[in-house]
């Protein structure tokens, strides 16, 4: 099965799998990611019932915490900047 993960084409050895199976195969922490399949966000509750099909386009966004050690807010250009950012993980299939 051939799919696209975060813009990279991947060939999977399995012909059928669920979104949950894919998350496990990629060794991603489920509580720290958001997943979109073919431009539709899939809630965690639906990962088990969502099949990954040949040609699917999957985007995975990984939540990464950060900030200052003292817990104070940082400012950039006069704007408050939260201590959180998103990082797209490199898919490992």
Protein backbone atom coordinates (compact mmCIF):
# COMPACT_ATOMS: atom_id res chain seq x y z
CA UNK A 1 0.00 0.00 0.00
CA UNK A 2 1.34 3.45 -0.92
CA UNK A 3 0.36 6.49 1.19
CA UNK A 4 1.65 10.00 1.80
CA UNK A 5 2.65 11.01 5.34
CA UNK A 6 3.45 14.69 5.90
CA UNK A 7 4.20 15.13 2.21
CA UNK A 8 6.49 12.09 1.94
CA UNK A 9 5.43 9.05 -0.07
CA UNK A 10 5.66 5.81 1.89
CA UNK A 11 5.27 2.20 0.88
CA UNK A 12 3.71 0.07 3.61
CA UNK A 13 4.17 -3.69 3.75
CA UNK A 14 0.63 -4.26 5.05
CA UNK A 15 -2.29 -4.10 2.65
CA UNK A 16 -4.80 -3.22 5.38
CA UNK A 17 -4.37 -1.26 8.59
CA UNK A 18 -6.20 1.19 10.80
CA UNK A 19 -5.02 4.66 11.66
CA UNK A 20 -4.26 3.36 15.16
CA UNK A 21 -2.06 0.61 13.65
CA UNK A 22 -0.15 3.25 11.67
CA UNK A 23 0.37 5.44 14.76
CA UNK A 24 1.72 2.39 16.63
CA UNK A 25 3.98 1.41 13.72
CA UNK A 26 5.42 4.94 13.64
CA UNK A 27 6.08 4.72 17.42
CA UNK A 28 4.26 7.99 18.08
CA UNK A 29 2.84 8.98 21.47
CA UNK A 30 -0.92 9.12 20.75
CA UNK A 31 -1.61 11.71 23.45
CA UNK A 32 0.74 14.20 21.76
CA UNK A 33 -0.47 14.16 18.17
CA UNK A 34 -3.31 15.28 15.94
CA UNK A 35 -4.03 13.40 12.71
CA UNK A 36 -5.66 14.44 9.46
CA UNK A 37 -6.56 11.96 6.70
CA UNK A 38 -7.38 13.39 3.27
CA UNK A 39 -7.87 16.88 4.75
CA UNK A 40 -10.26 15.67 7.48
CA UNK A 41 -9.22 15.69 11.13
CA UNK A 42 -9.76 12.30 12.74
CA UNK A 43 -10.46 12.31 16.48
CA UNK A 44 -8.60 9.82 18.66
CA UNK A 45 -11.90 8.03 19.35
CA UNK A 46 -12.09 7.13 15.64
CA UNK A 47 -8.52 5.94 15.05
CA UNK A 48 -9.45 2.27 15.61
CA UNK A 49 -12.30 2.42 13.09
CA UNK A 50 -10.52 4.53 10.45
CA UNK A 51 -8.92 2.40 7.73
CA UNK A 52 -5.82 3.59 5.93
CA UNK A 53 -6.23 3.06 2.19
CA UNK A 54 -3.89 3.13 -0.77
CA UNK A 55 -3.37 6.73 -1.88
CA UNK A 56 -4.41 8.34 1.43
CA UNK A 57 -2.75 11.63 2.37
CA UNK A 58 -2.04 11.73 6.09
CA UNK A 59 -0.79 14.71 8.07
CA UNK A 60 0.48 14.18 11.61
CA UNK A 61 1.15 17.13 13.90
CA UNK A 62 3.11 16.50 17.09
CA UNK A 63 2.55 18.73 20.12
CA UNK A 64 5.77 19.86 21.80
CA UNK A 65 5.77 21.76 25.10
CA UNK A 66 8.33 24.40 25.87
CA UNK A 67 8.82 27.80 27.42
CA UNK A 68 11.12 29.32 29.98
CA UNK A 69 12.40 27.46 33.02
CA UNK A 70 10.75 30.02 35.34
CA UNK A 71 7.40 29.56 33.61
CA UNK A 72 7.17 33.25 32.66
CA UNK A 73 5.87 34.40 29.29
CA UNK A 74 8.24 35.32 26.52
CA UNK A 75 7.66 38.36 24.33
CA UNK A 76 8.59 38.75 20.69
CA UNK A 77 7.89 41.96 18.83
CA UNK A 78 5.62 43.19 21.63
CA UNK A 79 3.36 40.12 21.41
CA UNK A 80 2.89 37.42 23.97
CA UNK A 81 4.36 34.15 22.87
CA UNK A 82 3.07 30.96 24.45
CA UNK A 83 5.49 28.29 25.56
CA UNK A 84 4.03 25.77 23.12
CA UNK A 85 4.73 24.99 19.50
CA UNK A 86 3.84 22.33 16.99
CA UNK A 87 6.36 20.15 15.23
CA UNK A 88 5.64 17.69 12.46
CA UNK A 89 7.35 14.39 13.24
CA UNK A 90 9.44 12.62 10.64
CA UNK A 91 7.54 9.49 9.66
CA UNK A 92 9.37 6.22 10.24
CA UNK A 93 7.76 3.47 8.15
